[in-house]
């Protein structure tokens, strides 16, 4: 069943983030069979305490195993170091259960 990785990122240096980490991560998402559903800045916080003005990224994966293979890969561990000190992130992974109704 499909799975979605949902990332909320508060970015301090947008240019460095996009051209460094963002570019590297995008190649890896494709390599590990994911696809972006949404990549956009300027989230509006309606409730809670994290994310106002943040960038949001939602990627779709064939299943949780594919998303975890990406997340736990040596390739991604290297790419993740590029965002150190320039972004605070929250990352969630969830399966897309069929909703009947």
PDB file of N, CA and C in Angstrom:
ATOM      1  N   UNK A   1       0.848  -1.178   0.000  1.00  0.00           N
ATOM      2  CA  UNK A   1       0.000   0.000   0.000  1.00  0.00           C
ATOM      3  C   UNK A   1       0.886   1.231   0.000  1.00  0.00           C
ATOM      4  N   UNK A   2       0.482   2.277  -0.696  1.00  0.00           N
ATOM      5  CA  UNK A   2       1.311   3.491  -0.792  1.00  0.00           C
ATOM      6  C   UNK A   2       1.595   4.084   0.585  1.00  0.00           C
ATOM      7  N   UNK A   3       2.736   4.744   0.677  1.00  0.00           N
ATOM      8  CA  UNK A   3       3.121   5.442   1.901  1.00  0.00           C
ATOM      9  C   UNK A   3       3.539   6.857   1.526  1.00  0.00           C
ATOM     10  N   UNK A   4       3.387   7.755   2.469  1.00  0.00           N
ATOM     11  CA  UNK A   4       3.731   9.155   2.250  1.00  0.00           C
ATOM     12  C   UNK A   4       4.708   9.616   3.314  1.00  0.00           C
ATOM     13  N   UNK A   5       5.743  10.331   2.876  1.00  0.00           N
ATOM     14  CA  UNK A   5       6.681  10.968   3.786  1.00  0.00           C
ATOM     15  C   UNK A   5       6.321  12.458   3.779  1.00  0.00           C
ATOM     16  N   UNK A   6       6.075  12.992   4.956  1.00  0.00           N
ATOM     17  CA  UNK A   6       5.639  14.380   5.099  1.00  0.00           C
ATOM     18  C   UNK A   6       6.709  15.124   5.899  1.00  0.00           C
ATOM     19  N   UNK A   7       7.281  16.142   5.286  1.00  0.00           N
ATOM     20  CA  UNK A   7       8.376  16.887   5.893  1.00  0.00           C
ATOM     21  C   UNK A   7       7.953  18.346   6.076  1.00  0.00           C
ATOM     22  N   UNK A   8       8.140  18.849   7.283  1.00  0.00           N
ATOM     23  CA  UNK A   8       7.967  20.269   7.578  1.00  0.00           C
ATOM     24  C   UNK A   8       9.358  20.804   7.878  1.00  0.00           C
ATOM     25  N   UNK A   9       9.781  21.833   7.168  1.00  0.00           N
ATOM     26  CA  UNK A   9      11.147  22.345   7.329  1.00  0.00           C
ATOM     27  C   UNK A   9      11.154  23.859   7.522  1.00  0.00           C
ATOM     28  N   UNK A  10      11.763  24.286   8.610  1.00  0.00           N
ATOM     29  CA  UNK A  10      12.035  25.713   8.826  1.00  0.00           C
ATOM     30  C   UNK A  10      13.454  25.941   8.316  1.00  0.00           C
ATOM     31  N   UNK A  11      13.570  26.713   7.260  1.00  0.00           N
ATOM     32  CA  UNK A  11      14.847  26.857   6.554  1.00  0.00           C
ATOM     33  C   UNK A  11      15.452  28.234   6.816  1.00  0.00           C
ATOM     34  N   UNK A  12      16.698  28.234   7.296  1.00  0.00           N
ATOM     35  CA  UNK A  12      17.395  29.492   7.578  1.00  0.00           C
ATOM     36  C   UNK A  12      18.103  30.036   6.341  1.00  0.00           C
ATOM     37  N   UNK A  13      18.630  29.166   5.494  1.00  0.00           N
ATOM     38  CA  UNK A  13      19.346  29.577   4.277  1.00  0.00           C
ATOM     39  C   UNK A  13      18.743  28.839   3.087  1.00  0.00           C
ATOM     40  N   UNK A  14      17.733  29.442   2.493  1.00  0.00           N
ATOM     41  CA  UNK A  14      16.962  28.791   1.434  1.00  0.00           C
ATOM     42  C   UNK A  14      17.814  28.432   0.213  1.00  0.00           C
ATOM     43  N   UNK A  15      18.691  29.334  -0.218  1.00  0.00           N
ATOM     44  CA  UNK A  15      19.531  29.059  -1.398  1.00  0.00           C
ATOM     45  C   UNK A  15      20.422  27.844  -1.170  1.00  0.00           C
ATOM     46  N   UNK A  16      21.100  27.789  -0.039  1.00  0.00           N
ATOM     47  CA  UNK A  16      21.975  26.650   0.275  1.00  0.00           C
ATOM     48  C   UNK A  16      21.157  25.371   0.384  1.00  0.00           C
ATOM     49  N   UNK A  17      19.985  25.465   0.977  1.00  0.00           N
ATOM     50  CA  UNK A  17      19.121  24.295   1.149  1.00  0.00           C
ATOM     51  C   UNK A  17      18.678  23.744  -0.203  1.00  0.00           C
ATOM     52  N   UNK A  18      18.178  24.607  -1.064  1.00  0.00           N
ATOM     53  CA  UNK A  18      17.645  24.172  -2.361  1.00  0.00           C
ATOM     54  C   UNK A  18      18.741  23.629  -3.265  1.00  0.00           C
ATOM     55  N   UNK A  19      19.844  24.349  -3.357  1.00  0.00           N
ATOM     56  CA  UNK A  19      20.892  23.961  -4.311  1.00  0.00           C
ATOM     57  C   UNK A  19      21.814  22.861  -3.790  1.00  0.00           C
ATOM     58  N   UNK A  20      21.853  22.662  -2.487  1.00  0.00           N
ATOM     59  CA  UNK A  20      22.674  21.601  -1.911  1.00  0.00           C
ATOM     60  C   UNK A  20      21.824  20.386  -1.583  1.00  0.00           C
ATOM     61  N   UNK A  21      21.233  20.419  -0.405  1.00  0.00           N
ATOM     62  CA  UNK A  21      20.432  19.299   0.074  1.00  0.00           C
ATOM     63  C   UNK A  21      19.261  18.976  -0.851  1.00  0.00           C
ATOM     64  N   UNK A  22      18.502  19.988  -1.236  1.00  0.00           N
ATOM     65  CA  UNK A  22      17.297  19.757  -2.051  1.00  0.00           C
ATOM     66  C   UNK A  22      17.603  19.051  -3.359  1.00  0.00           C
ATOM     67  N   UNK A  23      18.640  19.484  -4.038  1.00  0.00           N
ATOM     68  CA  UNK A  23      19.025  18.868  -5.313  1.00  0.00           C
ATOM     69  C   UNK A  23      19.471  17.425  -5.109  1.00  0.00           C
ATOM     70  N   UNK A  24      20.276  17.187  -4.080  1.00  0.00           N
ATOM     71  CA  UNK A  24      20.764  15.831  -3.805  1.00  0.00           C
ATOM     72  C   UNK A  24      19.616  14.909  -3.407  1.00  0.00           C
ATOM     73  N   UNK A  25      18.738  15.393  -2.546  1.00  0.00           N
ATOM     74  CA  UNK A  25      17.616  14.577  -2.088  1.00  0.00           C
ATOM     75  C   UNK A  25      16.671  14.240  -3.239  1.00  0.00           C
ATOM     76  N   UNK A  26      16.426  15.190  -4.128  1.00  0.00           N
ATOM     77  CA  UNK A  26      15.519  14.946  -5.263  1.00  0.00           C
ATOM     78  C   UNK A  26      16.004  13.783  -6.127  1.00  0.00           C
ATOM     79  N   UNK A  27      17.296  13.726  -6.383  1.00  0.00           N
ATOM     80  CA  UNK A  27      17.844  12.611  -7.175  1.00  0.00           C
ATOM     81  C   UNK A  27      17.636  11.282  -6.453  1.00  0.00           C
ATOM     82  N   UNK A  28      17.788  11.297  -5.149  1.00  0.00           N
ATOM     83  CA  UNK A  28      17.656  10.069  -4.378  1.00  0.00           C
ATOM     84  C   UNK A  28      16.203   9.622  -4.248  1.00  0.00           C
ATOM     85  N   UNK A  29      15.287  10.569  -4.136  1.00  0.00           N
ATOM     86  CA  UNK A  29      13.866  10.208  -4.094  1.00  0.00           C
ATOM     87  C   UNK A  29      13.515   9.421  -5.351  1.00  0.00           C
ATOM     88  N   UNK A  30      13.939   9.910  -6.497  1.00  0.00           N
ATOM     89  CA  UNK A  30      13.677   9.210  -7.758  1.00  0.00           C
ATOM     90  C   UNK A  30      14.376   7.845  -7.786  1.00  0.00           C
ATOM     91  N   UNK A  31      15.632   7.817  -7.376  1.00  0.00           N
ATOM     92  CA  UNK A  31      16.408   6.565  -7.379  1.00  0.00           C
ATOM     93  C   UNK A  31      15.734   5.487  -6.532  1.00  0.00           C
ATOM     94  N   UNK A  32      15.158   5.874  -5.419  1.00  0.00           N
ATOM     95  CA  UNK A  32      14.544   4.917  -4.497  1.00  0.00           C
ATOM     96  C   UNK A  32      13.036   4.743  -4.722  1.00  0.00           C
ATOM     97  N   UNK A  33      12.563   5.156  -5.892  1.00  0.00           N
ATOM     98  CA  UNK A  33      11.186   4.902  -6.360  1.00  0.00           C
ATOM     99  C   UNK A  33      10.114   5.765  -5.699  1.00  0.00           C
ATOM    100  N   UNK A  34      10.527   6.927  -5.206  1.00  0.00           N
ATOM    101  CA  UNK A  34       9.548   7.860  -4.672  1.00  0.00           C
ATOM    102  C   UNK A  34       9.233   8.934  -5.700  1.00  0.00           C
ATOM    103  N   UNK A  35       8.230   9.733  -5.397  1.00  0.00           N
ATOM    104  CA  UNK A  35       7.898  10.879  -6.248  1.00  0.00           C
ATOM    105  C   UNK A  35       7.324  11.977  -5.367  1.00  0.00           C
ATOM    106  N   UNK A  36       7.637  13.208  -5.762  1.00  0.00           N
ATOM    107  CA  UNK A  36       7.122  14.337  -4.998  1.00  0.00           C
ATOM    108  C   UNK A  36       5.672  14.604  -5.372  1.00  0.00           C
ATOM    109  N   UNK A  37       4.879  14.826  -4.339  1.00  0.00           N
ATOM    110  CA  UNK A  37       3.484  15.218  -4.511  1.00  0.00           C
ATOM    111  C   UNK A  37       3.358  16.719  -4.293  1.00  0.00           C
ATOM    112  N   UNK A  38       4.176  17.249  -3.375  1.00  0.00           N
ATOM    113  CA  UNK A  38       4.134  18.679  -3.061  1.00  0.00           C
ATOM    114  C   UNK A  38       5.503  19.112  -2.549  1.00  0.00           C
ATOM    115  N   UNK A  39       5.958  20.267  -3.025  1.00  0.00           N
ATOM    116  CA  UNK A  39       7.154  20.947  -2.503  1.00  0.00           C
ATOM    117  C   UNK A  39       6.842  22.432  -2.561  1.00  0.00           C
ATOM    118  N   UNK A  40       6.638  23.053  -1.387  1.00  0.00           N
ATOM    119  CA  UNK A  40       6.232  24.457  -1.392  1.00  0.00           C
ATOM    120  C   UNK A  40       6.600  25.144  -0.082  1.00  0.00           C
ATOM    121  N   UNK A  41       6.968  26.421  -0.157  1.00  0.00           N
ATOM    122  CA  UNK A  41       7.221  27.213   1.048  1.00  0.00           C
ATOM    123  C   UNK A  41       5.941  27.889   1.522  1.00  0.00           C
ATOM    124  N   UNK A  42       6.005  28.441   2.741  1.00  0.00           N
ATOM    125  CA  UNK A  42       4.934  29.320   3.216  1.00  0.00           C
ATOM    126  C   UNK A  42       3.737  28.639   3.836  1.00  0.00           C
ATOM    127  N   UNK A  43       3.952  27.547   4.570  1.00  0.00           N
ATOM    128  CA  UNK A  43       2.826  26.880   5.228  1.00  0.00           C
ATOM    129  C   UNK A  43       2.197  27.822   6.252  1.00  0.00           C
ATOM    130  N   UNK A  44       0.903  27.754   6.358  1.00  0.00           N
ATOM    131  CA  UNK A  44       0.169  28.553   7.342  1.00  0.00           C
ATOM    132  C   UNK A  44      -0.218  27.650   8.505  1.00  0.00           C
ATOM    133  N   UNK A  45       0.264  27.949   9.684  1.00  0.00           N
ATOM    134  CA  UNK A  45      -0.028  27.162  10.875  1.00  0.00           C
ATOM    135  C   UNK A  45      -1.423  27.511  11.378  1.00  0.00           C
ATOM    136  N   UNK A  46      -2.295  26.526  11.425  1.00  0.00           N
ATOM    137  CA  UNK A  46      -3.646  26.743  11.926  1.00  0.00           C
ATOM    138  C   UNK A  46      -3.800  26.255  13.360  1.00  0.00           C
ATOM    139  N   UNK A  47      -2.975  25.285  13.750  1.00  0.00           N
ATOM    140  CA  UNK A  47      -3.010  24.765  15.119  1.00  0.00           C
ATOM    141  C   UNK A  47      -1.687  24.074  15.414  1.00  0.00           C
ATOM    142  N   UNK A  48      -1.258  24.115  16.653  1.00  0.00           N
ATOM    143  CA  UNK A  48      -0.009  23.469  17.041  1.00  0.00           C
ATOM    144  C   UNK A  48       1.094  24.490  17.246  1.00  0.00           C
ATOM    145  N   UNK A  49       2.346  24.001  17.280  1.00  0.00           N
ATOM    146  CA  UNK A  49       3.433  24.919  17.604  1.00  0.00           C
ATOM    147  C   UNK A  49       4.646  24.779  16.692  1.00  0.00           C
ATOM    148  N   UNK A  50       4.508  24.130  15.556  1.00  0.00           N
ATOM    149  CA  UNK A  50       5.630  23.997  14.635  1.00  0.00           C
ATOM    150  C   UNK A  50       5.137  24.113  13.201  1.00  0.00           C
ATOM    151  N   UNK A  51       5.778  24.959  12.421  1.00  0.00           N
ATOM    152  CA  UNK A  51       5.498  24.964  10.998  1.00  0.00           C
ATOM    153  C   UNK A  51       5.027  26.252  10.377  1.00  0.00           C
ATOM    154  N   UNK A  52       4.718  27.271  11.163  1.00  0.00           N
ATOM    155  CA  UNK A  52       4.248  28.499  10.537  1.00  0.00           C
ATOM    156  C   UNK A  52       5.338  29.077   9.633  1.00  0.00           C
ATOM    157  N   UNK A  53       5.008  29.290   8.370  1.00  0.00           N
ATOM    158  CA  UNK A  53       5.944  29.832   7.397  1.00  0.00           C
ATOM    159  C   UNK A  53       6.914  28.802   6.835  1.00  0.00           C
ATOM    160  N   UNK A  54       6.814  27.574   7.307  1.00  0.00           N
ATOM    161  CA  UNK A  54       7.750  26.529   6.905  1.00  0.00           C
ATOM    162  C   UNK A  54       7.504  26.051   5.475  1.00  0.00           C
ATOM    163  N   UNK A  55       8.478  25.351   4.961  1.00  0.00           N
ATOM    164  CA  UNK A  55       8.325  24.656   3.684  1.00  0.00           C
ATOM    165  C   UNK A  55       7.775  23.267   3.973  1.00  0.00           C
ATOM    166  N   UNK A  56       6.969  22.772   3.070  1.00  0.00           N
ATOM    167  CA  UNK A  56       6.388  21.430   3.196  1.00  0.00           C
ATOM    168  C   UNK A  56       6.815  20.613   1.993  1.00  0.00           C
ATOM    169  N   UNK A  57       7.138  19.356   2.257  1.00  0.00           N
ATOM    170  CA  UNK A  57       7.461  18.412   1.198  1.00  0.00           C
ATOM    171  C   UNK A  57       6.694  17.139   1.492  1.00  0.00           C
ATOM    172  N   UNK A  58       5.939  16.670   0.504  1.00  0.00           N
ATOM    173  CA  UNK A  58       5.249  15.393   0.617  1.00  0.00           C
ATOM    174  C   UNK A  58       5.715  14.531  -0.540  1.00  0.00           C
ATOM    175  N   UNK A  59       6.224  13.347  -0.203  1.00  0.00           N
ATOM    176  CA  UNK A  59       6.640  12.405  -1.239  1.00  0.00           C
ATOM    177  C   UNK A  59       5.826  11.122  -1.084  1.00  0.00           C
ATOM    178  N   UNK A  60       5.530  10.504  -2.218  1.00  0.00           N
ATOM    179  CA  UNK A  60       4.767   9.253  -2.243  1.00  0.00           C
ATOM    180  C   UNK A  60       5.709   8.111  -2.594  1.00  0.00           C
ATOM    181  N   UNK A  61       5.527   6.984  -1.923  1.00  0.00           N
ATOM    182  CA  UNK A  61       6.365   5.804  -2.091  1.00  0.00           C
ATOM    183  C   UNK A  61       5.489   4.590  -2.344  1.00  0.00           C
ATOM    184  N   UNK A  62       6.007   3.584  -3.035  1.00  0.00           N
ATOM    185  CA  UNK A  62       5.192   2.387  -3.277  1.00  0.00           C
ATOM    186  C   UNK A  62       4.696   1.742  -1.985  1.00  0.00           C
ATOM    187  N   UNK A  63       5.508   1.830  -0.923  1.00  0.00           N
ATOM    188  CA  UNK A  63       5.154   1.268   0.377  1.00  0.00           C
ATOM    189  C   UNK A  63       6.142   1.806   1.416  1.00  0.00           C
ATOM    190  N   UNK A  64       5.889   1.471   2.677  1.00  0.00           N
ATOM    191  CA  UNK A  64       6.774   1.950   3.739  1.00  0.00           C
ATOM    192  C   UNK A  64       8.187   1.415   3.574  1.00  0.00           C
ATOM    193  N   UNK A  65       8.309   0.195   3.088  1.00  0.00           N
ATOM    194  CA  UNK A  65       9.641  -0.398   2.922  1.00  0.00           C
ATOM    195  C   UNK A  65      10.488   0.424   1.953  1.00  0.00           C
ATOM    196  N   UNK A  66       9.900   0.899   0.868  1.00  0.00           N
ATOM    197  CA  UNK A  66      10.638   1.721  -0.109  1.00  0.00           C
ATOM    198  C   UNK A  66      11.050   3.049   0.511  1.00  0.00           C
ATOM    199  N   UNK A  67      10.151   3.663   1.280  1.00  0.00           N
ATOM    200  CA  UNK A  67      10.468   4.929   1.943  1.00  0.00           C
ATOM    201  C   UNK A  67      11.583   4.738   2.967  1.00  0.00           C
ATOM    202  N   UNK A  68      11.517   3.643   3.714  1.00  0.00           N
ATOM    203  CA  UNK A  68      12.564   3.378   4.705  1.00  0.00           C
ATOM    204  C   UNK A  68      13.895   3.056   4.034  1.00  0.00           C
ATOM    205  N   UNK A  69      13.861   2.372   2.890  1.00  0.00           N
ATOM    206  CA  UNK A  69      15.105   2.079   2.163  1.00  0.00           C
ATOM    207  C   UNK A  69      15.795   3.379   1.779  1.00  0.00           C
ATOM    208  N   UNK A  70      15.022   4.357   1.318  1.00  0.00           N
ATOM    209  CA  UNK A  70      15.552   5.686   1.011  1.00  0.00           C
ATOM    210  C   UNK A  70      16.103   6.326   2.285  1.00  0.00           C
ATOM    211  N   UNK A  71      15.278   6.407   3.319  1.00  0.00           N
ATOM    212  CA  UNK A  71      15.620   7.102   4.557  1.00  0.00           C
ATOM    213  C   UNK A  71      16.855   6.518   5.226  1.00  0.00           C
ATOM    214  N   UNK A  72      16.997   5.205   5.193  1.00  0.00           N
ATOM    215  CA  UNK A  72      18.102   4.523   5.869  1.00  0.00           C
ATOM    216  C   UNK A  72      19.323   4.283   4.984  1.00  0.00           C
ATOM    217  N   UNK A  73      19.268   4.748   3.742  1.00  0.00           N
ATOM    218  CA  UNK A  73      20.373   4.500   2.813  1.00  0.00           C
ATOM    219  C   UNK A  73      21.607   5.326   3.162  1.00  0.00           C
ATOM    220  N   UNK A  74      22.739   4.811   2.795  1.00  0.00           N
ATOM    221  CA  UNK A  74      24.007   5.534   2.963  1.00  0.00           C
ATOM    222  C   UNK A  74      23.984   6.805   2.108  1.00  0.00           C
ATOM    223  N   UNK A  75      23.380   6.690   0.902  1.00  0.00           N
ATOM    224  CA  UNK A  75      23.265   7.853   0.013  1.00  0.00           C
ATOM    225  C   UNK A  75      22.560   9.009   0.713  1.00  0.00           C
ATOM    226  N   UNK A  76      21.416   8.706   1.329  1.00  0.00           N
ATOM    227  CA  UNK A  76      20.639   9.765   1.966  1.00  0.00           C
ATOM    228  C   UNK A  76      21.330  10.285   3.226  1.00  0.00           C
ATOM    229  N   UNK A  77      22.018   9.418   3.949  1.00  0.00           N
ATOM    230  CA  UNK A  77      22.752   9.873   5.133  1.00  0.00           C
ATOM    231  C   UNK A  77      23.756  10.955   4.743  1.00  0.00           C
ATOM    232  N   UNK A  78      24.411  10.783   3.595  1.00  0.00           N
ATOM    233  CA  UNK A  78      25.350  11.805   3.108  1.00  0.00           C
ATOM    234  C   UNK A  78      24.622  13.096   2.749  1.00  0.00           C
ATOM    235  N   UNK A  79      23.511  12.965   2.022  1.00  0.00           N
ATOM    236  CA  UNK A  79      22.747  14.150   1.596  1.00  0.00           C
ATOM    237  C   UNK A  79      22.218  14.917   2.803  1.00  0.00           C
ATOM    238  N   UNK A  80      21.780  14.196   3.815  1.00  0.00           N
ATOM    239  CA  UNK A  80      21.201  14.829   4.998  1.00  0.00           C
ATOM    240  C   UNK A  80      22.189  15.751   5.706  1.00  0.00           C
ATOM    241  N   UNK A  81      23.472  15.464   5.611  1.00  0.00           N
ATOM    242  CA  UNK A  81      24.465  16.330   6.260  1.00  0.00           C
ATOM    243  C   UNK A  81      24.459  17.730   5.650  1.00  0.00           C
ATOM    244  N   UNK A  82      23.979  17.869   4.414  1.00  0.00           N
ATOM    245  CA  UNK A  82      23.949  19.172   3.737  1.00  0.00           C
ATOM    246  C   UNK A  82      22.928  20.134   4.328  1.00  0.00           C
ATOM    247  N   UNK A  83      21.988  19.615   5.094  1.00  0.00           N
ATOM    248  CA  UNK A  83      20.980  20.507   5.681  1.00  0.00           C
ATOM    249  C   UNK A  83      21.316  20.874   7.120  1.00  0.00           C
ATOM    250  N   UNK A  84      22.377  20.293   7.665  1.00  0.00           N
ATOM    251  CA  UNK A  84      22.777  20.574   9.048  1.00  0.00           C
ATOM    252  C   UNK A  84      23.063  22.068   9.222  1.00  0.00           C
ATOM    253  N   UNK A  85      22.448  22.647  10.233  1.00  0.00           N
ATOM    254  CA  UNK A  85      22.678  24.047  10.544  1.00  0.00           C
ATOM    255  C   UNK A  85      21.881  25.033   9.704  1.00  0.00           C
ATOM    256  N   UNK A  86      21.172  24.555   8.679  1.00  0.00           N
ATOM    257  CA  UNK A  86      20.388  25.485   7.850  1.00  0.00           C
ATOM    258  C   UNK A  86      18.897  25.163   7.846  1.00  0.00           C
ATOM    259  N   UNK A  87      18.499  24.038   8.484  1.00  0.00           N
ATOM    260  CA  UNK A  87      17.079  23.704   8.518  1.00  0.00           C
ATOM    261  C   UNK A  87      16.748  22.853   9.735  1.00  0.00           C
ATOM    262  N   UNK A  88      15.620  23.155  10.344  1.00  0.00           N
ATOM    263  CA  UNK A  88      15.036  22.309  11.384  1.00  0.00           C
ATOM    264  C   UNK A  88      13.875  21.586  10.722  1.00  0.00           C
ATOM    265  N   UNK A  89      13.838  20.268  10.858  1.00  0.00           N
ATOM    266  CA  UNK A  89      12.810  19.505  10.163  1.00  0.00           C
ATOM    267  C   UNK A  89      12.053  18.585  11.103  1.00  0.00           C
ATOM    268  N   UNK A  90      10.853  18.275  10.676  1.00  0.00           N
ATOM    269  CA  UNK A  90      10.017  17.253  11.290  1.00  0.00           C
ATOM    270  C   UNK A  90       9.626  16.330  10.154  1.00  0.00           C
ATOM    271  N   UNK A  91       9.809  15.024  10.312  1.00  0.00           N
ATOM    272  CA  UNK A  91       9.543  14.069   9.232  1.00  0.00           C
ATOM    273  C   UNK A  91       8.608  12.986   9.750  1.00  0.00           C
ATOM    274  N   UNK A  92       7.549  12.737   8.997  1.00  0.00           N
ATOM    275  CA  UNK A  92       6.567  11.707   9.330  1.00  0.00           C
ATOM    276  C   UNK A  92       6.449  10.733   8.167  1.00  0.00           C
ATOM    277  N   UNK A  93       6.167   9.482   8.462  1.00  0.00           N
ATOM    278  CA  UNK A  93       5.909   8.459   7.442  1.00  0.00           C
ATOM    279  C   UNK A  93       4.610   7.772   7.797  1.00  0.00           C
ATOM    280  N   UNK A  94       3.724   7.674   6.809  1.00  0.00           N
ATOM    281  CA  UNK A  94       2.407   7.080   7.072  1.00  0.00           C
ATOM    282  C   UNK A  94       1.935   6.308   5.840  1.00  0.00           C
ATOM    283  N   UNK A  95       1.271   5.182   6.106  1.00  0.00           N
ATOM    284  CA  UNK A  95       0.667   4.420   5.012  1.00  0.00           C
ATOM    285  C   UNK A  95      -0.672   5.046   4.664  1.00  0.00           C
ATOM    286  N   UNK A  96      -1.019   4.933   3.390  1.00  0.00           N
ATOM    287  CA  UNK A  96      -2.278   5.496   2.919  1.00  0.00           C
ATOM    288  C   UNK A  96      -3.335   4.400   2.895  1.00  0.00           C
ATOM    289  N   UNK A  97      -3.965   4.185   4.029  1.00  0.00           N
ATOM    290  CA  UNK A  97      -5.035   3.200   4.104  1.00  0.00           C
ATOM    291  C   UNK A  97      -6.207   3.665   3.263  1.00  0.00           C
ATOM    292  N   UNK A  98      -6.880   2.721   2.640  1.00  0.00           N
ATOM    293  CA  UNK A  98      -8.068   3.034   1.843  1.00  0.00           C
ATOM    294  C   UNK A  98      -9.189   3.476   2.767  1.00  0.00           C
ATOM    295  N   UNK A  99      -9.758   4.634   2.485  1.00  0.00           N
ATOM    296  CA  UNK A  99     -10.889   5.138   3.273  1.00  0.00           C
ATOM    297  C   UNK A  99     -12.162   4.820   2.503  1.00  0.00           C
ATOM    298  N   UNK A 100     -13.023   4.037   3.110  1.00  0.00           N
ATOM    299  CA  UNK A 100     -14.305   3.706   2.491  1.00  0.00           C
ATOM    300  C   UNK A 100     -15.355   4.657   2.984  1.00  0.00           C
ATOM    301  N   UNK A 101     -16.167   5.114   2.077  1.00  0.00           N
ATOM    302  CA  UNK A 101     -17.195   6.028   2.560  1.00  0.00           C
ATOM    303  C   UNK A 101     -17.956   6.601   1.521  1.00  0.00           C
TER     304      UNK A 101
END
